[in-house]
Amino acid sequence: MGQVDDTALRAAVVQKSLELGDRLGDLFVERAQSYAPRGSFGDRGDAIFENIGHDPADVAGDMVVIRVYCTSGHARYNNEGTGIYGPEGEPITALHTLPNGEPGFLKFDSAIMGIVFTKEVAGYPGSHFWDRAIDDWPDIVAGLA
C-alpha cells in the first residue's frame, strides 16, 4: 500500500472547496438578482440588479469565505424600505426649518407630476430582495448537490 501525500490531498480539497465557494457565490448573486427590482425607480432599480456580485472564494484559516455584496447606493433603502415602511417607521421630513421655525419643505422631481414640494412623505415599502436571498441560503447550498 502506498502512502497518501497529505500536502497534495489538502491542496486538492482546498481547490475543490474554492470552486464550490465560487459556485455558491454565483448562485447567491443569481438569487438576489431574481428578487431585485428591475425597471422601477428609473435607473436605480437596474443599478441595484447590475451591482450585485461576489468576490472570489478565499481560504481564511480552516474556512472558505465568500463575500457577497451590492454596491448600489440605493440597495439598502430599497431592501429595508424608507419612511413609515423603513426601520425607523417615521415619515420622511425636511431636515431644515423655515426662518419662522416651522418645518421646511422637501423638493423632488416626480416623473409623473414634475417638481413637487411637500412637508413630508410616507416613504416606500422595501422589496427585501437581499433579505429574501439570505433566507434562501439553505436552498442555495442544497442546489449544489
N, C-alpha and C. Protein backbone atom coordinates (compact mmCIF):
# COMPACT_ATOMS: atom_id res chain seq x y z
N MET A 1 0.82 -1.19 0.00
CA MET A 1 0.00 0.00 0.00
C MET A 1 0.86 1.25 0.00
N GLY A 2 0.47 2.23 -0.80
CA GLY A 2 1.21 3.47 -0.86
C GLY A 2 0.76 4.46 0.21
N GLN A 3 1.57 5.44 0.40
CA GLN A 3 1.26 6.48 1.38
C GLN A 3 0.49 7.62 0.70
N VAL A 4 -0.37 8.25 1.47
CA VAL A 4 -1.12 9.40 0.97
C VAL A 4 -0.27 10.64 1.17
N ASP A 5 -0.16 11.42 0.13
CA ASP A 5 0.57 12.69 0.21
C ASP A 5 -0.36 13.73 0.82
N ASP A 6 -0.19 14.02 2.12
CA ASP A 6 -1.07 14.94 2.83
C ASP A 6 -1.13 16.32 2.17
N THR A 7 -0.01 16.79 1.69
CA THR A 7 0.04 18.12 1.08
C THR A 7 -0.80 18.15 -0.19
N ALA A 8 -0.66 17.13 -1.02
CA ALA A 8 -1.42 17.08 -2.27
C ALA A 8 -2.92 16.92 -1.98
N LEU A 9 -3.25 16.08 -0.99
CA LEU A 9 -4.65 15.88 -0.63
C LEU A 9 -5.26 17.17 -0.13
N ARG A 10 -4.56 17.87 0.76
CA ARG A 10 -5.07 19.15 1.27
C ARG A 10 -5.24 20.15 0.13
N ALA A 11 -4.28 20.23 -0.76
CA ALA A 11 -4.37 21.18 -1.89
C ALA A 11 -5.58 20.86 -2.75
N ALA A 12 -5.84 19.57 -2.98
CA ALA A 12 -7.00 19.18 -3.80
C ALA A 12 -8.31 19.54 -3.11
N VAL A 13 -8.38 19.30 -1.80
CA VAL A 13 -9.60 19.63 -1.04
C VAL A 13 -9.82 21.14 -1.03
N VAL A 14 -8.77 21.90 -0.81
CA VAL A 14 -8.89 23.36 -0.80
C VAL A 14 -9.33 23.85 -2.19
N GLN A 15 -8.73 23.34 -3.24
CA GLN A 15 -9.09 23.77 -4.60
C GLN A 15 -10.57 23.47 -4.89
N LYS A 16 -11.02 22.27 -4.55
CA LYS A 16 -12.43 21.91 -4.78
C LYS A 16 -13.35 22.79 -3.93
N SER A 17 -12.94 23.07 -2.69
CA SER A 17 -13.75 23.93 -1.82
C SER A 17 -13.87 25.35 -2.38
N LEU A 18 -12.78 25.86 -2.93
CA LEU A 18 -12.81 27.19 -3.55
C LEU A 18 -13.72 27.21 -4.77
N GLU A 19 -13.68 26.15 -5.57
CA GLU A 19 -14.56 26.05 -6.74
C GLU A 19 -16.02 26.04 -6.30
N LEU A 20 -16.33 25.24 -5.27
CA LEU A 20 -17.70 25.21 -4.76
C LEU A 20 -18.10 26.55 -4.16
N GLY A 21 -17.17 27.20 -3.46
CA GLY A 21 -17.45 28.52 -2.91
C GLY A 21 -17.79 29.53 -4.00
N ASP A 22 -17.03 29.51 -5.09
CA ASP A 22 -17.33 30.42 -6.20
C ASP A 22 -18.69 30.10 -6.81
N ARG A 23 -19.01 28.82 -6.92
CA ARG A 23 -20.32 28.45 -7.47
C ARG A 23 -21.44 28.91 -6.54
N LEU A 24 -21.24 28.77 -5.21
CA LEU A 24 -22.23 29.27 -4.26
C LEU A 24 -22.40 30.78 -4.39
N GLY A 25 -21.29 31.49 -4.57
CA GLY A 25 -21.36 32.93 -4.78
C GLY A 25 -22.19 33.27 -6.01
N ASP A 26 -21.95 32.53 -7.10
CA ASP A 26 -22.73 32.75 -8.33
C ASP A 26 -24.21 32.50 -8.09
N LEU A 27 -24.52 31.41 -7.39
CA LEU A 27 -25.92 31.07 -7.13
C LEU A 27 -26.60 32.11 -6.23
N PHE A 28 -25.87 32.62 -5.23
CA PHE A 28 -26.45 33.65 -4.37
C PHE A 28 -26.72 34.92 -5.19
N VAL A 29 -25.77 35.32 -6.01
CA VAL A 29 -25.95 36.52 -6.84
C VAL A 29 -27.17 36.35 -7.75
N GLU A 30 -27.29 35.19 -8.38
CA GLU A 30 -28.45 34.94 -9.24
C GLU A 30 -29.75 35.04 -8.46
N ARG A 31 -29.77 34.50 -7.24
CA ARG A 31 -30.99 34.54 -6.43
C ARG A 31 -31.32 35.97 -6.03
N ALA A 32 -30.32 36.72 -5.56
CA ALA A 32 -30.56 38.11 -5.16
C ALA A 32 -31.02 38.93 -6.36
N GLN A 33 -30.42 38.70 -7.53
CA GLN A 33 -30.83 39.42 -8.73
C GLN A 33 -32.27 39.06 -9.12
N SER A 34 -32.67 37.83 -8.87
CA SER A 34 -34.04 37.44 -9.23
C SER A 34 -35.07 38.19 -8.39
N TYR A 35 -34.68 38.61 -7.20
CA TYR A 35 -35.58 39.37 -6.32
C TYR A 35 -35.39 40.89 -6.46
N ALA A 36 -34.31 41.32 -7.07
CA ALA A 36 -34.00 42.75 -7.16
C ALA A 36 -34.97 43.45 -8.11
N PRO A 37 -35.25 44.73 -7.83
CA PRO A 37 -36.14 45.49 -8.71
C PRO A 37 -35.48 45.71 -10.06
N ARG A 38 -36.27 45.66 -11.10
CA ARG A 38 -35.79 45.95 -12.45
C ARG A 38 -36.74 46.95 -13.08
N GLY A 39 -36.19 47.99 -13.64
CA GLY A 39 -37.01 48.94 -14.37
C GLY A 39 -37.90 49.81 -13.50
N SER A 40 -37.75 49.71 -12.17
CA SER A 40 -38.51 50.59 -11.30
C SER A 40 -37.55 51.62 -10.73
N PHE A 41 -38.07 52.69 -10.23
CA PHE A 41 -37.25 53.76 -9.67
C PHE A 41 -36.30 54.32 -10.72
N GLY A 42 -36.74 54.42 -11.96
CA GLY A 42 -35.86 54.91 -13.02
C GLY A 42 -34.70 53.96 -13.19
N ASP A 43 -33.49 54.50 -13.26
CA ASP A 43 -32.32 53.64 -13.43
C ASP A 43 -31.83 53.04 -12.12
N ARG A 44 -32.43 53.44 -10.99
CA ARG A 44 -31.97 52.93 -9.69
C ARG A 44 -32.21 51.43 -9.56
N GLY A 45 -33.36 50.94 -10.01
CA GLY A 45 -33.65 49.52 -9.93
C GLY A 45 -32.65 48.70 -10.73
N ASP A 46 -32.35 49.13 -11.95
CA ASP A 46 -31.37 48.41 -12.75
C ASP A 46 -29.98 48.50 -12.13
N ALA A 47 -29.67 49.62 -11.49
CA ALA A 47 -28.35 49.76 -10.85
C ALA A 47 -28.22 48.77 -9.71
N ILE A 48 -29.27 48.51 -9.00
CA ILE A 48 -29.22 47.51 -7.92
C ILE A 48 -28.94 46.14 -8.53
N PHE A 49 -29.70 45.76 -9.53
CA PHE A 49 -29.53 44.46 -10.19
C PHE A 49 -28.09 44.29 -10.70
N GLU A 50 -27.60 45.31 -11.38
CA GLU A 50 -26.29 45.22 -12.02
C GLU A 50 -25.12 45.26 -11.05
N ASN A 51 -25.35 45.72 -9.81
CA ASN A 51 -24.26 45.86 -8.85
C ASN A 51 -24.27 44.81 -7.74
N ILE A 52 -24.98 43.73 -7.95
CA ILE A 52 -24.92 42.60 -7.03
C ILE A 52 -23.80 41.69 -7.53
N GLY A 53 -22.89 41.32 -6.63
CA GLY A 53 -21.78 40.48 -7.05
C GLY A 53 -21.15 39.76 -5.87
N HIS A 54 -20.03 39.10 -6.15
CA HIS A 54 -19.27 38.44 -5.09
C HIS A 54 -17.79 38.43 -5.44
N ASP A 55 -16.98 38.42 -4.40
CA ASP A 55 -15.54 38.28 -4.57
C ASP A 55 -15.22 36.80 -4.77
N PRO A 56 -14.05 36.51 -5.32
CA PRO A 56 -13.65 35.10 -5.42
C PRO A 56 -13.59 34.47 -4.02
N ALA A 57 -13.99 33.20 -3.94
CA ALA A 57 -13.90 32.48 -2.67
C ALA A 57 -12.45 32.49 -2.20
N ASP A 58 -12.27 32.51 -0.88
CA ASP A 58 -10.93 32.58 -0.31
C ASP A 58 -10.87 31.68 0.92
N VAL A 59 -9.67 31.28 1.28
CA VAL A 59 -9.47 30.47 2.48
C VAL A 59 -9.07 31.40 3.61
N ALA A 60 -9.76 31.26 4.74
CA ALA A 60 -9.43 32.01 5.96
C ALA A 60 -9.36 31.01 7.10
N GLY A 61 -8.14 30.63 7.46
CA GLY A 61 -7.97 29.59 8.48
C GLY A 61 -8.46 28.27 7.94
N ASP A 62 -9.45 27.68 8.61
CA ASP A 62 -10.00 26.42 8.14
C ASP A 62 -11.37 26.59 7.50
N MET A 63 -11.64 27.80 7.02
CA MET A 63 -12.93 28.11 6.39
C MET A 63 -12.72 28.60 4.97
N VAL A 64 -13.76 28.41 4.15
CA VAL A 64 -13.82 29.04 2.85
C VAL A 64 -14.81 30.19 2.99
N VAL A 65 -14.40 31.38 2.59
CA VAL A 65 -15.19 32.59 2.78
C VAL A 65 -15.63 33.12 1.42
N ILE A 66 -16.92 33.48 1.34
CA ILE A 66 -17.47 34.09 0.13
C ILE A 66 -18.06 35.43 0.55
N ARG A 67 -17.59 36.51 -0.03
CA ARG A 67 -18.13 37.85 0.28
C ARG A 67 -19.07 38.24 -0.85
N VAL A 68 -20.34 38.41 -0.52
CA VAL A 68 -21.33 38.86 -1.49
C VAL A 68 -21.70 40.30 -1.17
N TYR A 69 -22.09 41.06 -2.17
CA TYR A 69 -22.33 42.49 -1.94
C TYR A 69 -23.25 43.07 -3.01
N CYS A 70 -23.74 44.26 -2.70
CA CYS A 70 -24.42 45.10 -3.68
C CYS A 70 -23.88 46.51 -3.47
N THR A 71 -23.22 47.04 -4.48
CA THR A 71 -22.56 48.33 -4.35
C THR A 71 -23.45 49.52 -4.72
N SER A 72 -24.68 49.27 -5.10
CA SER A 72 -25.58 50.38 -5.42
C SER A 72 -25.90 51.16 -4.15
N GLY A 73 -25.80 52.47 -4.23
CA GLY A 73 -26.08 53.32 -3.08
C GLY A 73 -27.52 53.25 -2.59
N HIS A 74 -28.43 52.78 -3.43
CA HIS A 74 -29.84 52.73 -3.05
C HIS A 74 -30.27 51.35 -2.58
N ALA A 75 -29.37 50.38 -2.60
CA ALA A 75 -29.74 49.00 -2.29
C ALA A 75 -30.32 48.86 -0.88
N ARG A 76 -29.66 49.48 0.09
CA ARG A 76 -30.13 49.36 1.47
C ARG A 76 -31.55 49.89 1.63
N TYR A 77 -31.80 51.06 1.04
CA TYR A 77 -33.12 51.68 1.18
C TYR A 77 -34.17 50.88 0.43
N ASN A 78 -33.81 50.33 -0.71
CA ASN A 78 -34.75 49.52 -1.46
C ASN A 78 -35.05 48.23 -0.71
N ASN A 79 -34.05 47.65 -0.09
CA ASN A 79 -34.25 46.42 0.67
C ASN A 79 -35.10 46.66 1.92
N GLU A 80 -34.73 47.67 2.72
CA GLU A 80 -35.38 47.90 4.01
C GLU A 80 -36.67 48.70 3.92
N GLY A 81 -36.81 49.52 2.90
CA GLY A 81 -37.92 50.46 2.83
C GLY A 81 -37.51 51.79 3.44
N THR A 82 -38.29 52.82 3.20
CA THR A 82 -37.99 54.15 3.72
C THR A 82 -39.22 54.72 4.40
N GLY A 83 -39.00 55.75 5.19
CA GLY A 83 -40.12 56.43 5.84
C GLY A 83 -40.88 55.51 6.77
N ILE A 84 -42.21 55.55 6.71
CA ILE A 84 -43.02 54.73 7.61
C ILE A 84 -42.82 53.25 7.37
N TYR A 85 -42.31 52.86 6.22
CA TYR A 85 -42.08 51.46 5.89
C TYR A 85 -40.68 51.00 6.27
N GLY A 86 -39.81 51.92 6.62
CA GLY A 86 -38.42 51.61 6.91
C GLY A 86 -38.17 51.29 8.37
N PRO A 87 -36.90 51.15 8.73
CA PRO A 87 -36.54 50.76 10.09
C PRO A 87 -37.02 51.72 11.18
N GLU A 88 -37.06 53.03 10.88
CA GLU A 88 -37.49 53.99 11.91
C GLU A 88 -39.01 54.11 12.00
N GLY A 89 -39.72 53.75 10.94
CA GLY A 89 -41.17 53.81 10.96
C GLY A 89 -41.76 55.19 11.03
N GLU A 90 -41.01 56.21 10.60
CA GLU A 90 -41.48 57.60 10.65
C GLU A 90 -41.53 58.19 9.24
N PRO A 91 -42.45 59.14 8.99
CA PRO A 91 -42.47 59.80 7.69
C PRO A 91 -41.15 60.53 7.42
N ILE A 92 -40.86 60.74 6.17
CA ILE A 92 -39.66 61.49 5.78
C ILE A 92 -40.01 62.97 5.79
N THR A 93 -39.25 63.77 6.53
CA THR A 93 -39.49 65.20 6.62
C THR A 93 -38.19 65.95 6.29
N ALA A 94 -38.32 67.23 6.03
CA ALA A 94 -37.15 68.05 5.74
C ALA A 94 -36.28 68.18 7.00
N LEU A 95 -34.98 68.25 6.80
CA LEU A 95 -34.05 68.39 7.91
C LEU A 95 -33.93 69.84 8.38
N HIS A 96 -34.26 70.77 7.51
CA HIS A 96 -34.12 72.19 7.85
C HIS A 96 -35.48 72.78 8.27
N THR A 97 -35.43 73.91 8.94
CA THR A 97 -36.66 74.62 9.30
C THR A 97 -36.67 75.97 8.58
N LEU A 98 -37.84 76.51 8.43
CA LEU A 98 -38.01 77.84 7.83
C LEU A 98 -37.61 78.90 8.85
N PRO A 99 -37.34 80.13 8.40
CA PRO A 99 -36.95 81.20 9.34
C PRO A 99 -37.95 81.41 10.47
N ASN A 100 -39.23 81.11 10.24
CA ASN A 100 -40.23 81.30 11.30
C ASN A 100 -40.30 80.09 12.25
N GLY A 101 -39.42 79.11 12.06
CA GLY A 101 -39.36 77.95 12.94
C GLY A 101 -40.20 76.77 12.50
N GLU A 102 -41.02 76.95 11.48
CA GLU A 102 -41.83 75.84 11.00
C GLU A 102 -40.96 74.86 10.20
N PRO A 103 -41.42 73.63 10.09
CA PRO A 103 -40.66 72.65 9.30
C PRO A 103 -40.50 73.11 7.85
N GLY A 104 -39.38 72.78 7.28
CA GLY A 104 -39.13 73.13 5.88
C GLY A 104 -39.88 72.21 4.93
N PHE A 105 -39.50 72.30 3.66
CA PHE A 105 -40.17 71.52 2.63
C PHE A 105 -39.18 70.54 1.99
N LEU A 106 -39.73 69.45 1.51
CA LEU A 106 -38.98 68.53 0.67
C LEU A 106 -39.26 68.91 -0.77
N LYS A 107 -38.28 68.78 -1.61
CA LYS A 107 -38.46 69.06 -3.04
C LYS A 107 -37.91 67.86 -3.80
N PHE A 108 -38.71 67.32 -4.68
CA PHE A 108 -38.22 66.23 -5.52
C PHE A 108 -38.86 66.31 -6.89
N ASP A 109 -38.21 65.69 -7.84
CA ASP A 109 -38.67 65.70 -9.22
C ASP A 109 -39.40 64.39 -9.48
N SER A 110 -40.71 64.48 -9.64
CA SER A 110 -41.53 63.31 -9.91
C SER A 110 -41.69 63.14 -11.41
N ALA A 111 -41.50 61.94 -11.90
CA ALA A 111 -41.65 61.67 -13.33
C ALA A 111 -43.07 61.95 -13.79
N ILE A 112 -44.04 61.80 -12.89
CA ILE A 112 -45.44 61.98 -13.25
C ILE A 112 -45.90 63.43 -13.05
N MET A 113 -45.50 64.04 -11.92
CA MET A 113 -46.02 65.35 -11.56
C MET A 113 -45.03 66.49 -11.70
N GLY A 114 -43.81 66.23 -12.10
CA GLY A 114 -42.82 67.29 -12.20
C GLY A 114 -42.24 67.62 -10.83
N ILE A 115 -41.85 68.87 -10.61
CA ILE A 115 -41.27 69.29 -9.33
C ILE A 115 -42.37 69.33 -8.28
N VAL A 116 -42.12 68.70 -7.14
CA VAL A 116 -43.10 68.60 -6.06
C VAL A 116 -42.48 69.16 -4.79
N PHE A 117 -43.23 69.98 -4.06
CA PHE A 117 -42.85 70.47 -2.73
C PHE A 117 -43.85 69.89 -1.73
N THR A 118 -43.36 69.38 -0.63
CA THR A 118 -44.24 68.83 0.39
C THR A 118 -43.54 68.89 1.75
N LYS A 119 -44.32 68.82 2.82
CA LYS A 119 -43.73 68.85 4.16
C LYS A 119 -43.27 67.47 4.61
N GLU A 120 -43.92 66.41 4.11
CA GLU A 120 -43.49 65.06 4.45
C GLU A 120 -44.01 64.08 3.42
N VAL A 121 -43.33 62.95 3.35
CA VAL A 121 -43.78 61.85 2.50
C VAL A 121 -43.75 60.57 3.34
N ALA A 122 -44.62 59.64 2.98
CA ALA A 122 -44.70 58.39 3.72
C ALA A 122 -43.46 57.53 3.54
N GLY A 123 -42.90 57.54 2.35
CA GLY A 123 -41.77 56.67 2.04
C GLY A 123 -42.20 55.59 1.07
N TYR A 124 -41.42 54.52 1.04
CA TYR A 124 -41.71 53.45 0.09
C TYR A 124 -41.43 52.10 0.76
N PRO A 125 -42.31 51.11 0.56
CA PRO A 125 -42.07 49.80 1.16
C PRO A 125 -40.80 49.15 0.59
N GLY A 126 -40.13 48.39 1.40
CA GLY A 126 -38.94 47.69 0.96
C GLY A 126 -39.28 46.49 0.09
N SER A 127 -38.37 46.18 -0.82
CA SER A 127 -38.55 44.98 -1.66
C SER A 127 -38.00 43.74 -0.96
N HIS A 128 -37.11 43.94 0.01
CA HIS A 128 -36.48 42.86 0.78
C HIS A 128 -35.76 41.86 -0.11
N PHE A 129 -35.24 42.36 -1.26
CA PHE A 129 -34.56 41.47 -2.20
C PHE A 129 -33.35 40.78 -1.57
N TRP A 130 -32.59 41.51 -0.74
CA TRP A 130 -31.39 40.94 -0.12
C TRP A 130 -31.78 39.98 1.01
N ASP A 131 -32.73 40.40 1.84
CA ASP A 131 -33.19 39.55 2.95
C ASP A 131 -33.74 38.23 2.42
N ARG A 132 -34.48 38.29 1.33
CA ARG A 132 -35.07 37.07 0.76
C ARG A 132 -33.98 36.13 0.25
N ALA A 133 -32.94 36.69 -0.37
CA ALA A 133 -31.85 35.85 -0.86
C ALA A 133 -31.12 35.20 0.32
N ILE A 134 -30.91 35.95 1.40
CA ILE A 134 -30.26 35.38 2.59
C ILE A 134 -31.13 34.27 3.20
N ASP A 135 -32.43 34.52 3.26
CA ASP A 135 -33.34 33.48 3.78
C ASP A 135 -33.29 32.21 2.93
N ASP A 136 -32.97 32.35 1.67
CA ASP A 136 -32.91 31.21 0.74
C ASP A 136 -31.55 30.48 0.79
N TRP A 137 -30.62 30.93 1.64
CA TRP A 137 -29.28 30.34 1.67
C TRP A 137 -29.30 28.81 1.80
N PRO A 138 -30.10 28.21 2.70
CA PRO A 138 -30.10 26.74 2.76
C PRO A 138 -30.49 26.09 1.43
N ASP A 139 -31.45 26.69 0.71
CA ASP A 139 -31.84 26.14 -0.59
C ASP A 139 -30.74 26.34 -1.63
N ILE A 140 -30.03 27.46 -1.53
CA ILE A 140 -28.93 27.73 -2.47
C ILE A 140 -27.84 26.68 -2.28
N VAL A 141 -27.50 26.42 -1.03
CA VAL A 141 -26.47 25.40 -0.74
C VAL A 141 -26.95 24.03 -1.20
N ALA A 142 -28.20 23.71 -0.96
CA ALA A 142 -28.75 22.41 -1.37
C ALA A 142 -28.72 22.27 -2.90
N GLY A 143 -28.76 23.41 -3.60
CA GLY A 143 -28.73 23.39 -5.07
C GLY A 143 -27.41 22.90 -5.64
N LEU A 144 -26.37 22.82 -4.83
CA LEU A 144 -25.08 22.30 -5.29
C LEU A 144 -25.10 20.78 -5.42
N ALA A 145 -25.99 20.14 -4.68
CA ALA A 145 -25.99 18.67 -4.66
C ALA A 145 -26.45 18.07 -5.97
